[in-house]
Amino acid sequence: MKPCALLFLCLLVVCAQYVFARQAGDGLNEQQRLGRQIVAQSCGVCHLPPARNAKTYGPLLNKAAGGGDDAVVREYILDGTPRMPAFKYFLRPTEIDAIISYLKTVPVPAPAPAPR
């Protein structure tokens, strides 16, 4: 029984190291990873396309959001807009900081080629 438990423990350690290495390889720090998670959970329904080439309800989020101004992005998140709800009672300040930090890592997509 002990050899099986030892083998299981070794496999568990190797798998955990593999998962950690994959997450660490994304180039994001812990705050940015938290921001990515919050964007996916709270913002993605409107700001992330559900399928390839699908349109979104809100604008795509990237480092140019809010004109690249952290204060503007923070204000949008806190107070909302006519088409977006306010999140000041839903998200903590550290979570909003994490979203802003993550958005700084998201490149602006290249413009779509003009149709011929």
C-alpha atoms as a PDB file:
ATOM      1  CA  MET A   1       0.000   0.000   0.000  1.00  0.00           C
ATOM      2  CA  LYS A   2       2.812   2.431   0.796  1.00  0.00           C
ATOM      3  CA  PRO A   3       4.452   2.178  -2.665  1.00  0.00           C
ATOM      4  CA  CYS A   4       1.121   3.133  -4.293  1.00  0.00           C
ATOM      5  CA  ALA A   5       0.711   6.112  -1.939  1.00  0.00           C
ATOM      6  CA  LEU A   6       4.273   7.221  -2.657  1.00  0.00           C
ATOM      7  CA  LEU A   7       3.723   6.923  -6.414  1.00  0.00           C
ATOM      8  CA  PHE A   8       0.492   8.908  -6.132  1.00  0.00           C
ATOM      9  CA  LEU A   9       2.247  11.610  -4.110  1.00  0.00           C
ATOM     10  CA  CYS A  10       5.050  11.847  -6.687  1.00  0.00           C
ATOM     11  CA  LEU A  11       2.540  12.169  -9.525  1.00  0.00           C
ATOM     12  CA  LEU A  12       0.678  14.849  -7.612  1.00  0.00           C
ATOM     13  CA  VAL A  13       3.876  16.859  -7.071  1.00  0.00           C
ATOM     14  CA  VAL A  14       4.883  16.572 -10.741  1.00  0.00           C
ATOM     15  CA  CYS A  15       1.420  17.629 -11.928  1.00  0.00           C
ATOM     16  CA  ALA A  16       1.359  20.583  -9.531  1.00  0.00           C
ATOM     17  CA  GLN A  17       4.761  21.730 -10.783  1.00  0.00           C
ATOM     18  CA  TYR A  18       3.571  21.432 -14.390  1.00  0.00           C
ATOM     19  CA  VAL A  19       0.435  23.501 -13.705  1.00  0.00           C
ATOM     20  CA  PHE A  20       2.429  26.130 -11.816  1.00  0.00           C
ATOM     21  CA  ALA A  21       5.019  26.326 -14.588  1.00  0.00           C
ATOM     22  CA  ARG A  22       2.291  26.827 -17.212  1.00  0.00           C
ATOM     23  CA  GLN A  23       0.664  29.601 -15.197  1.00  0.00           C
ATOM     24  CA  ALA A  24       3.987  31.259 -14.455  1.00  0.00           C
ATOM     25  CA  GLY A  25       4.854  31.085 -18.159  1.00  0.00           C
ATOM     26  CA  ASP A  26       2.070  33.484 -19.080  1.00  0.00           C
ATOM     27  CA  GLY A  27       4.254  36.453 -18.106  1.00  0.00           C
ATOM     28  CA  LEU A  28       1.694  37.826 -15.662  1.00  0.00           C
ATOM     29  CA  ASN A  29       2.233  38.576 -11.998  1.00  0.00           C
ATOM     30  CA  GLU A  30      -0.280  37.534  -9.320  1.00  0.00           C
ATOM     31  CA  GLN A  31      -2.188  40.833  -9.472  1.00  0.00           C
ATOM     32  CA  GLN A  32      -2.521  40.584 -13.256  1.00  0.00           C
ATOM     33  CA  ARG A  33      -3.691  36.972 -13.034  1.00  0.00           C
ATOM     34  CA  LEU A  34      -6.358  38.052 -10.547  1.00  0.00           C
ATOM     35  CA  GLY A  35      -7.356  40.819 -12.964  1.00  0.00           C
ATOM     36  CA  ARG A  36      -7.599  38.320 -15.833  1.00  0.00           C
ATOM     37  CA  GLN A  37      -9.834  36.102 -13.704  1.00  0.00           C
ATOM     38  CA  ILE A  38     -12.113  38.995 -12.711  1.00  0.00           C
ATOM     39  CA  VAL A  39     -12.356  40.218 -16.306  1.00  0.00           C
ATOM     40  CA  ALA A  40     -13.360  36.723 -17.419  1.00  0.00           C
ATOM     41  CA  GLN A  41     -15.919  36.343 -14.622  1.00  0.00           C
ATOM     42  CA  SER A  42     -17.405  39.831 -14.333  1.00  0.00           C
ATOM     43  CA  CYS A  43     -16.643  41.645 -17.582  1.00  0.00           C
ATOM     44  CA  GLY A  44     -16.386  38.885 -20.159  1.00  0.00           C
ATOM     45  CA  VAL A  45     -20.095  38.501 -20.770  1.00  0.00           C
ATOM     46  CA  CYS A  46     -20.114  41.905 -22.499  1.00  0.00           C
ATOM     47  CA  HIS A  47     -16.475  42.581 -23.357  1.00  0.00           C
ATOM     48  CA  LEU A  48     -15.146  39.229 -24.587  1.00  0.00           C
ATOM     49  CA  PRO A  49     -16.408  37.695 -27.834  1.00  0.00           C
ATOM     50  CA  PRO A  50     -18.294  34.441 -27.215  1.00  0.00           C
ATOM     51  CA  ALA A  51     -16.988  32.935 -30.451  1.00  0.00           C
ATOM     52  CA  ARG A  52     -14.497  33.734 -33.166  1.00  0.00           C
ATOM     53  CA  ASN A  53     -15.546  36.748 -35.261  1.00  0.00           C
ATOM     54  CA  ALA A  54     -18.537  37.418 -32.986  1.00  0.00           C
ATOM     55  CA  LYS A  55     -19.357  40.977 -31.969  1.00  0.00           C
ATOM     56  CA  THR A  56     -19.375  42.040 -28.329  1.00  0.00           C
ATOM     57  CA  TYR A  57     -21.925  44.180 -26.514  1.00  0.00           C
ATOM     58  CA  GLY A  58     -19.226  46.386 -25.010  1.00  0.00           C
ATOM     59  CA  PRO A  59     -15.884  47.410 -26.485  1.00  0.00           C
ATOM     60  CA  LEU A  60     -12.991  44.981 -26.384  1.00  0.00           C
ATOM     61  CA  LEU A  61     -10.821  45.551 -23.329  1.00  0.00           C
ATOM     62  CA  ASN A  62      -7.109  46.146 -23.811  1.00  0.00           C
ATOM     63  CA  LYS A  63      -4.361  48.583 -22.829  1.00  0.00           C
ATOM     64  CA  ALA A  64      -6.037  51.374 -24.840  1.00  0.00           C
ATOM     65  CA  ALA A  65      -9.295  51.144 -22.849  1.00  0.00           C
ATOM     66  CA  GLY A  66     -10.259  54.516 -21.433  1.00  0.00           C
ATOM     67  CA  GLY A  67      -7.652  56.156 -23.643  1.00  0.00           C
ATOM     68  CA  GLY A  68      -4.983  54.274 -21.691  1.00  0.00           C
ATOM     69  CA  ASP A  69      -5.772  56.381 -18.598  1.00  0.00           C
ATOM     70  CA  ASP A  70      -6.031  54.348 -15.368  1.00  0.00           C
ATOM     71  CA  ALA A  71      -8.236  56.982 -13.713  1.00  0.00           C
ATOM     72  CA  VAL A  72     -10.755  56.837 -16.564  1.00  0.00           C
ATOM     73  CA  VAL A  73     -10.903  53.040 -16.476  1.00  0.00           C
ATOM     74  CA  ARG A  74     -11.337  53.132 -12.688  1.00  0.00           C
ATOM     75  CA  GLU A  75     -14.187  55.649 -13.031  1.00  0.00           C
ATOM     76  CA  TYR A  76     -15.931  53.501 -15.664  1.00  0.00           C
ATOM     77  CA  ILE A  77     -15.667  50.436 -13.438  1.00  0.00           C
ATOM     78  CA  LEU A  78     -16.818  52.244 -10.294  1.00  0.00           C
ATOM     79  CA  ASP A  79     -19.616  54.397 -11.714  1.00  0.00           C
ATOM     80  CA  GLY A  80     -20.548  52.583 -14.903  1.00  0.00           C
ATOM     81  CA  THR A  81     -21.815  54.224 -18.074  1.00  0.00           C
ATOM     82  CA  PRO A  82     -25.277  54.494 -19.623  1.00  0.00           C
ATOM     83  CA  ARG A  83     -24.732  51.009 -21.126  1.00  0.00           C
ATOM     84  CA  MET A  84     -22.631  49.469 -18.336  1.00  0.00           C
ATOM     85  CA  PRO A  85     -23.556  48.864 -14.698  1.00  0.00           C
ATOM     86  CA  ALA A  86     -21.478  50.299 -11.867  1.00  0.00           C
ATOM     87  CA  PHE A  87     -19.324  47.826  -9.969  1.00  0.00           C
ATOM     88  CA  LYS A  88     -18.464  49.997  -6.942  1.00  0.00           C
ATOM     89  CA  TYR A  89     -20.550  47.803  -4.633  1.00  0.00           C
ATOM     90  CA  PHE A  90     -19.474  44.545  -6.256  1.00  0.00           C
ATOM     91  CA  LEU A  91     -15.694  44.821  -6.673  1.00  0.00           C
ATOM     92  CA  ARG A  92     -13.145  45.720  -4.014  1.00  0.00           C
ATOM     93  CA  PRO A  93     -10.530  48.412  -4.738  1.00  0.00           C
ATOM     94  CA  THR A  94      -7.794  45.751  -4.945  1.00  0.00           C
ATOM     95  CA  GLU A  95      -9.835  43.879  -7.563  1.00  0.00           C
ATOM     96  CA  ILE A  96     -10.283  47.036  -9.620  1.00  0.00           C
ATOM     97  CA  ASP A  97      -6.523  47.647  -9.380  1.00  0.00           C
ATOM     98  CA  ALA A  98      -5.991  44.072 -10.579  1.00  0.00           C
ATOM     99  CA  ILE A  99      -8.279  44.606 -13.588  1.00  0.00           C
ATOM    100  CA  ILE A 100      -6.417  47.781 -14.537  1.00  0.00           C
ATOM    101  CA  SER A 101      -3.068  46.039 -14.102  1.00  0.00           C
ATOM    102  CA  TYR A 102      -4.204  43.143 -16.297  1.00  0.00           C
ATOM    103  CA  LEU A 103      -5.610  45.405 -19.021  1.00  0.00           C
ATOM    104  CA  LYS A 104      -2.165  46.996 -19.375  1.00  0.00           C
ATOM    105  CA  THR A 105      -0.897  43.589 -20.561  1.00  0.00           C
ATOM    106  CA  VAL A 106      -3.559  43.106 -23.250  1.00  0.00           C
ATOM    107  CA  PRO A 107      -2.320  44.339 -26.633  1.00  0.00           C
ATOM    108  CA  VAL A 108      -4.493  46.453 -28.877  1.00  0.00           C
ATOM    109  CA  PRO A 109      -5.736  44.235 -31.717  1.00  0.00           C
ATOM    110  CA  ALA A 110      -4.571  45.022 -35.207  1.00  0.00           C
ATOM    111  CA  PRO A 111      -7.166  46.827 -37.329  1.00  0.00           C
ATOM    112  CA  ALA A 112      -9.245  44.578 -39.526  1.00  0.00           C
ATOM    113  CA  PRO A 113      -8.309  44.678 -43.196  1.00  0.00           C
ATOM    114  CA  ALA A 114     -10.622  46.760 -45.352  1.00  0.00           C
ATOM    115  CA  PRO A 115     -13.087  44.687 -47.388  1.00  0.00           C
ATOM    116  CA  ARG A 116     -12.392  44.593 -51.104  1.00  0.00           C
END
